[in-house]
């Protein structure tokens, strides 16, 4: 796993004082923003009537963590994002394809040993009309950006704690932070998959590790977000296409 910085690929932000140093309490503010954002995503009070109501929790989910980061890092919150180049697009596609393959493989292995639950959104999209499907797929973009922040901000916080505070070697800290930051993503999917811990840890957690490689390799949140969007749009698109054939 490449972890070094270069002129073309900057180092991970914030953990080593670049572009700005964050203290322990400032990281707590950022993590509180992440927790609040997930609450707002799932809270009934943010779910307004359809079809535009889909956008409110999705925008809060990505906007609140970025706002918390901006509160402590100022204008340097943009260090999460960089200009997307051609190789970044190729990386997005490559990570999305790899994740689809890994998800199918791990899903088949787990399904052979254990009952797995389907994502209920497959059914709701299948029953929706064309306009509602388009609105839902479009609103996935800010929501999936929020899911990336749910993972990458804890990754950076863990990297700071392990390397700057615990003096763990940088490469080791990156690997440990990469592994541990997949856990929140897996666990928040428990309600979606009937609280099946094995399914969420094995399938969703493994998928998260692959998606996070988009950020680890590029240091650009647009890359992991783009890979995530391509992955989910492909999954839902295939299911909708198959359901249309069955009708």
Protein backbone atom coordinates (compact mmCIF):
# COMPACT_ATOMS: atom_id res chain seq x y z
CA UNK A 1 0.00 0.00 0.00
CA UNK A 2 1.68 3.25 -1.09
CA UNK A 3 1.82 5.79 1.72
CA UNK A 4 4.54 8.28 0.86
CA UNK A 5 3.90 11.79 -0.40
CA UNK A 6 5.14 13.21 -3.69
CA UNK A 7 4.86 16.41 -5.69
CA UNK A 8 1.96 14.96 -7.67
CA UNK A 9 0.29 13.35 -4.68
CA UNK A 10 0.38 15.42 -1.46
CA UNK A 11 0.52 13.85 1.95
CA UNK A 12 -2.58 13.20 4.03
CA UNK A 13 -3.78 16.46 5.58
CA UNK A 14 -3.97 17.54 9.22
CA UNK A 15 -2.26 14.59 10.93
CA UNK A 16 1.23 16.15 10.81
CA UNK A 17 0.44 19.85 10.95
CA UNK A 18 0.06 20.29 7.20
CA UNK A 19 -1.72 22.41 6.03
CA UNK A 20 -2.66 23.21 9.63
CA UNK A 21 -2.31 21.40 12.96
CA UNK A 22 -5.41 20.16 14.74
CA UNK A 23 -5.43 19.50 18.49
CA UNK A 24 -7.19 16.71 20.30
CA UNK A 25 -10.25 18.81 21.15
CA UNK A 26 -10.46 20.03 17.57
CA UNK A 27 -10.55 16.45 16.33
CA UNK A 28 -13.33 15.82 18.85
CA UNK A 29 -15.29 18.69 17.29
CA UNK A 30 -14.85 17.07 13.87
CA UNK A 31 -15.92 13.65 15.17
CA UNK A 32 -18.95 15.25 16.86
CA UNK A 33 -19.86 16.71 13.48
CA UNK A 34 -19.66 13.25 11.93
CA UNK A 35 -21.94 11.78 14.61
CA UNK A 36 -24.42 14.64 14.33
CA UNK A 37 -24.48 14.29 10.55
CA UNK A 38 -25.39 10.62 10.78
CA UNK A 39 -28.12 11.41 13.29
CA UNK A 40 -29.58 14.02 10.93
CA UNK A 41 -29.44 11.53 8.06
CA UNK A 42 -31.58 9.05 9.98
CA UNK A 43 -33.74 11.37 12.11
CA UNK A 44 -37.43 11.60 11.06
CA UNK A 45 -37.39 15.39 11.44
CA UNK A 46 -35.12 15.80 8.39
CA UNK A 47 -37.18 13.54 6.13
CA UNK A 48 -39.51 15.88 4.28
CA UNK A 49 -42.15 14.92 1.68
CA UNK A 50 -40.88 13.40 -1.54
CA UNK A 51 -39.45 13.86 -4.04
CA UNK A 52 -37.29 16.81 -2.93
CA UNK A 53 -37.26 15.67 0.69
CA UNK A 54 -34.57 13.14 -0.22
CA UNK A 55 -32.07 15.93 -0.63
CA UNK A 56 -32.36 17.46 2.85
CA UNK A 57 -30.82 14.62 4.92
CA UNK A 58 -28.30 13.89 2.15
CA UNK A 59 -27.03 17.48 2.08
CA UNK A 60 -26.91 17.66 5.89
CA UNK A 61 -24.99 14.38 5.96
CA UNK A 62 -22.12 15.82 3.96
CA UNK A 63 -22.48 19.49 4.94
CA UNK A 64 -22.34 19.13 8.73
CA UNK A 65 -18.97 17.27 8.89
CA UNK A 66 -17.44 19.70 6.41
CA UNK A 67 -18.79 22.57 8.49
CA UNK A 68 -17.25 21.08 11.65
CA UNK A 69 -13.92 20.69 9.87
CA UNK A 70 -14.11 24.28 8.58
CA UNK A 71 -14.85 25.45 12.13
CA UNK A 72 -11.50 24.13 13.41
CA UNK A 73 -9.37 24.19 10.27
CA UNK A 74 -10.67 27.37 8.61
CA UNK A 75 -10.20 27.60 4.87
CA UNK A 76 -7.92 24.55 4.99
CA UNK A 77 -10.92 22.20 5.05
CA UNK A 78 -10.50 22.09 1.29
CA UNK A 79 -7.32 20.02 1.77
CA UNK A 80 -9.57 16.96 1.53
CA UNK A 81 -10.22 17.74 -2.13
CA UNK A 82 -7.97 18.25 -5.14
CA UNK A 83 -8.42 18.83 -8.82
CA UNK A 84 -9.53 15.65 -10.59
CA UNK A 85 -7.12 14.57 -13.33
CA UNK A 86 -7.37 11.86 -15.94
CA UNK A 87 -5.54 9.32 -13.81
CA UNK A 88 -7.94 10.10 -10.95
CA UNK A 89 -10.88 9.19 -13.17
CA UNK A 90 -9.13 5.94 -14.10
CA UNK A 91 -8.56 5.24 -10.42
CA UNK A 92 -12.25 5.90 -9.67
CA UNK A 93 -13.30 3.39 -12.31
CA UNK A 94 -10.68 0.85 -11.23
CA UNK A 95 -11.67 1.04 -7.56
CA UNK A 96 -15.37 0.77 -8.46
CA UNK A 97 -14.77 -2.32 -10.62
CA UNK A 98 -12.54 -3.90 -7.98
CA UNK A 99 -15.11 -3.22 -5.30
CA UNK A 100 -17.91 -4.78 -7.34
CA UNK A 101 -15.83 -7.90 -7.88
CA UNK A 102 -14.76 -8.14 -4.24
CA UNK A 103 -18.31 -7.49 -3.00
CA UNK A 104 -19.74 -10.24 -5.23
CA UNK A 105 -17.04 -12.69 -4.13
CA UNK A 106 -17.33 -11.98 -0.41
CA UNK A 107 -21.13 -11.80 -0.67
CA UNK A 108 -21.24 -15.23 -2.32
CA UNK A 109 -18.98 -16.71 0.35
CA UNK A 110 -21.02 -15.25 3.22
CA UNK A 111 -24.34 -16.19 1.58
CA UNK A 112 -23.13 -19.78 1.33
CA UNK A 113 -22.64 -19.92 5.08
CA UNK A 114 -25.14 -17.44 6.42
CA UNK A 115 -28.48 -15.87 5.52
CA UNK A 116 -28.02 -12.36 4.13
CA UNK A 117 -30.54 -9.54 3.83
CA UNK A 118 -31.14 -7.37 0.77
CA UNK A 119 -30.91 -3.60 0.83
CA UNK A 120 -34.53 -2.39 1.11
CA UNK A 121 -33.77 0.45 -1.31
CA UNK A 122 -33.67 -2.12 -4.12
CA UNK A 123 -37.36 -2.79 -3.57
CA UNK A 124 -38.33 0.86 -3.10
CA UNK A 125 -36.55 1.88 -6.30
CA UNK A 126 -38.11 -1.01 -8.15
CA UNK A 127 -41.57 0.23 -7.16
CA UNK A 128 -40.84 3.91 -7.93
CA UNK A 129 -41.58 5.70 -11.18
CA UNK A 130 -38.89 7.04 -13.48
CA UNK A 131 -38.79 10.55 -12.01
CA UNK A 132 -38.48 9.27 -8.45
CA UNK A 133 -35.72 6.86 -9.47
CA UNK A 134 -33.77 9.69 -11.10
CA UNK A 135 -34.23 11.93 -8.05
CA UNK A 136 -33.10 9.17 -5.68
CA UNK A 137 -30.02 8.30 -7.74
CA UNK A 138 -29.07 11.98 -7.98
CA UNK A 139 -29.47 12.47 -4.21
CA UNK A 140 -27.11 9.54 -3.69
CA UNK A 141 -24.20 11.79 -4.72
CA UNK A 142 -24.21 14.06 -1.62
CA UNK A 143 -25.19 11.13 0.58
CA UNK A 144 -22.25 9.05 -0.64
CA UNK A 145 -19.96 12.04 -0.13
CA UNK A 146 -21.26 12.00 3.44
CA UNK A 147 -20.45 8.30 3.70
CA UNK A 148 -16.91 9.06 2.56
CA UNK A 149 -16.58 11.72 5.24
CA UNK A 150 -17.96 9.22 7.77
CA UNK A 151 -14.91 7.07 6.97
CA UNK A 152 -12.11 9.40 5.90
CA UNK A 153 -12.40 11.93 8.74
CA UNK A 154 -12.05 9.15 11.36
CA UNK A 155 -9.19 7.76 9.24
CA UNK A 156 -7.35 11.09 9.48
CA UNK A 157 -8.14 11.41 13.19
CA UNK A 158 -6.78 7.91 13.85
CA UNK A 159 -3.73 8.66 11.73
CA UNK A 160 -3.08 11.80 13.83
CA UNK A 161 -3.53 9.93 17.11
CA UNK A 162 -1.41 6.94 16.11
CA UNK A 163 1.43 8.83 14.47
CA UNK A 164 1.57 12.19 16.27
CA UNK A 165 0.50 11.07 19.75
CA UNK A 166 1.38 7.37 19.98
CA UNK A 167 4.49 7.69 17.76
CA UNK A 168 3.56 4.71 15.62
CA UNK A 169 5.52 4.49 12.39
CA UNK A 170 3.74 6.34 9.61
CA UNK A 171 3.22 3.35 7.33
CA UNK A 172 1.90 1.24 10.19
CA UNK A 173 -0.35 4.09 11.33
CA UNK A 174 -1.84 4.43 7.85
CA UNK A 175 -2.61 0.72 7.64
CA UNK A 176 -4.14 0.55 11.14
CA UNK A 177 -6.21 3.71 10.52
CA UNK A 178 -7.35 2.29 7.16
CA UNK A 179 -8.55 -0.90 8.86
CA UNK A 180 -10.19 0.69 11.90
CA UNK A 181 -11.94 3.47 9.98
CA UNK A 182 -13.93 0.86 8.06
CA UNK A 183 -15.71 -0.19 11.26
CA UNK A 184 -18.03 2.85 11.64
CA UNK A 185 -19.10 2.50 8.02
CA UNK A 186 -19.90 -1.18 8.51
CA UNK A 187 -21.73 -0.66 11.80
CA UNK A 188 -23.99 2.19 10.65
CA UNK A 189 -25.37 -0.21 8.02
CA UNK A 190 -26.71 -2.56 10.71
CA UNK A 191 -30.29 -1.15 10.58
CA UNK A 192 -30.28 -1.49 6.78
CA UNK A 193 -29.42 -5.19 6.91
CA UNK A 194 -31.62 -6.37 9.81
CA UNK A 195 -28.86 -5.87 12.39
CA UNK A 196 -26.82 -8.68 10.87
CA UNK A 197 -23.35 -8.06 12.31
CA UNK A 198 -21.61 -10.72 10.21
CA UNK A 199 -23.03 -9.40 6.96
CA UNK A 200 -22.13 -5.81 7.80
CA UNK A 201 -18.59 -6.58 8.96
CA UNK A 202 -17.75 -9.11 6.26
CA UNK A 203 -19.46 -7.66 3.18
CA UNK A 204 -19.94 -3.96 3.92
CA UNK A 205 -16.68 -3.69 5.85
CA UNK A 206 -14.68 -5.33 3.07
CA UNK A 207 -16.30 -3.07 0.47
CA UNK A 208 -15.39 -0.08 2.63
CA UNK A 209 -11.74 -1.10 2.72
CA UNK A 210 -11.64 -1.25 -1.06
CA UNK A 211 -13.37 2.11 -1.46
CA UNK A 212 -11.02 3.73 1.04
CA UNK A 213 -8.09 2.75 -1.18
CA UNK A 214 -9.31 5.43 -3.58
CA UNK A 215 -8.46 8.05 -0.98
CA UNK A 216 -5.32 6.33 0.30
CA UNK A 217 -3.85 6.15 -3.19
CA UNK A 218 -4.91 9.64 -4.32
CA UNK A 219 -5.33 11.73 -1.12
CA UNK A 220 -8.34 13.13 -2.95
CA UNK A 221 -11.83 12.68 -1.53
CA UNK A 222 -13.33 13.21 -4.98
CA UNK A 223 -11.71 9.95 -6.08
CA UNK A 224 -13.16 7.71 -3.35
CA UNK A 225 -16.51 9.50 -3.66
CA UNK A 226 -16.55 9.03 -7.43
CA UNK A 227 -15.72 5.33 -7.05
CA UNK A 228 -18.49 4.98 -4.46
CA UNK A 229 -21.04 6.66 -6.73
CA UNK A 230 -20.06 4.49 -9.72
CA UNK A 231 -20.25 1.38 -7.53
CA UNK A 232 -23.70 2.11 -6.12
CA UNK A 233 -25.20 3.37 -9.36
CA UNK A 234 -24.01 0.19 -11.07
CA UNK A 235 -25.47 -2.04 -8.36
CA UNK A 236 -28.86 -0.32 -8.37
CA UNK A 237 -28.86 -0.02 -12.16
CA UNK A 238 -28.28 -3.75 -12.60
CA UNK A 239 -31.02 -4.62 -10.12
CA UNK A 240 -33.48 -2.26 -11.84
CA UNK A 241 -32.58 -3.68 -15.25
CA UNK A 242 -33.05 -7.27 -14.00
CA UNK A 243 -36.38 -6.41 -12.39
CA UNK A 244 -37.59 -4.83 -15.63
CA UNK A 245 -36.71 -8.01 -17.51
CA UNK A 246 -38.67 -10.09 -15.03
CA UNK A 247 -41.84 -8.06 -15.54
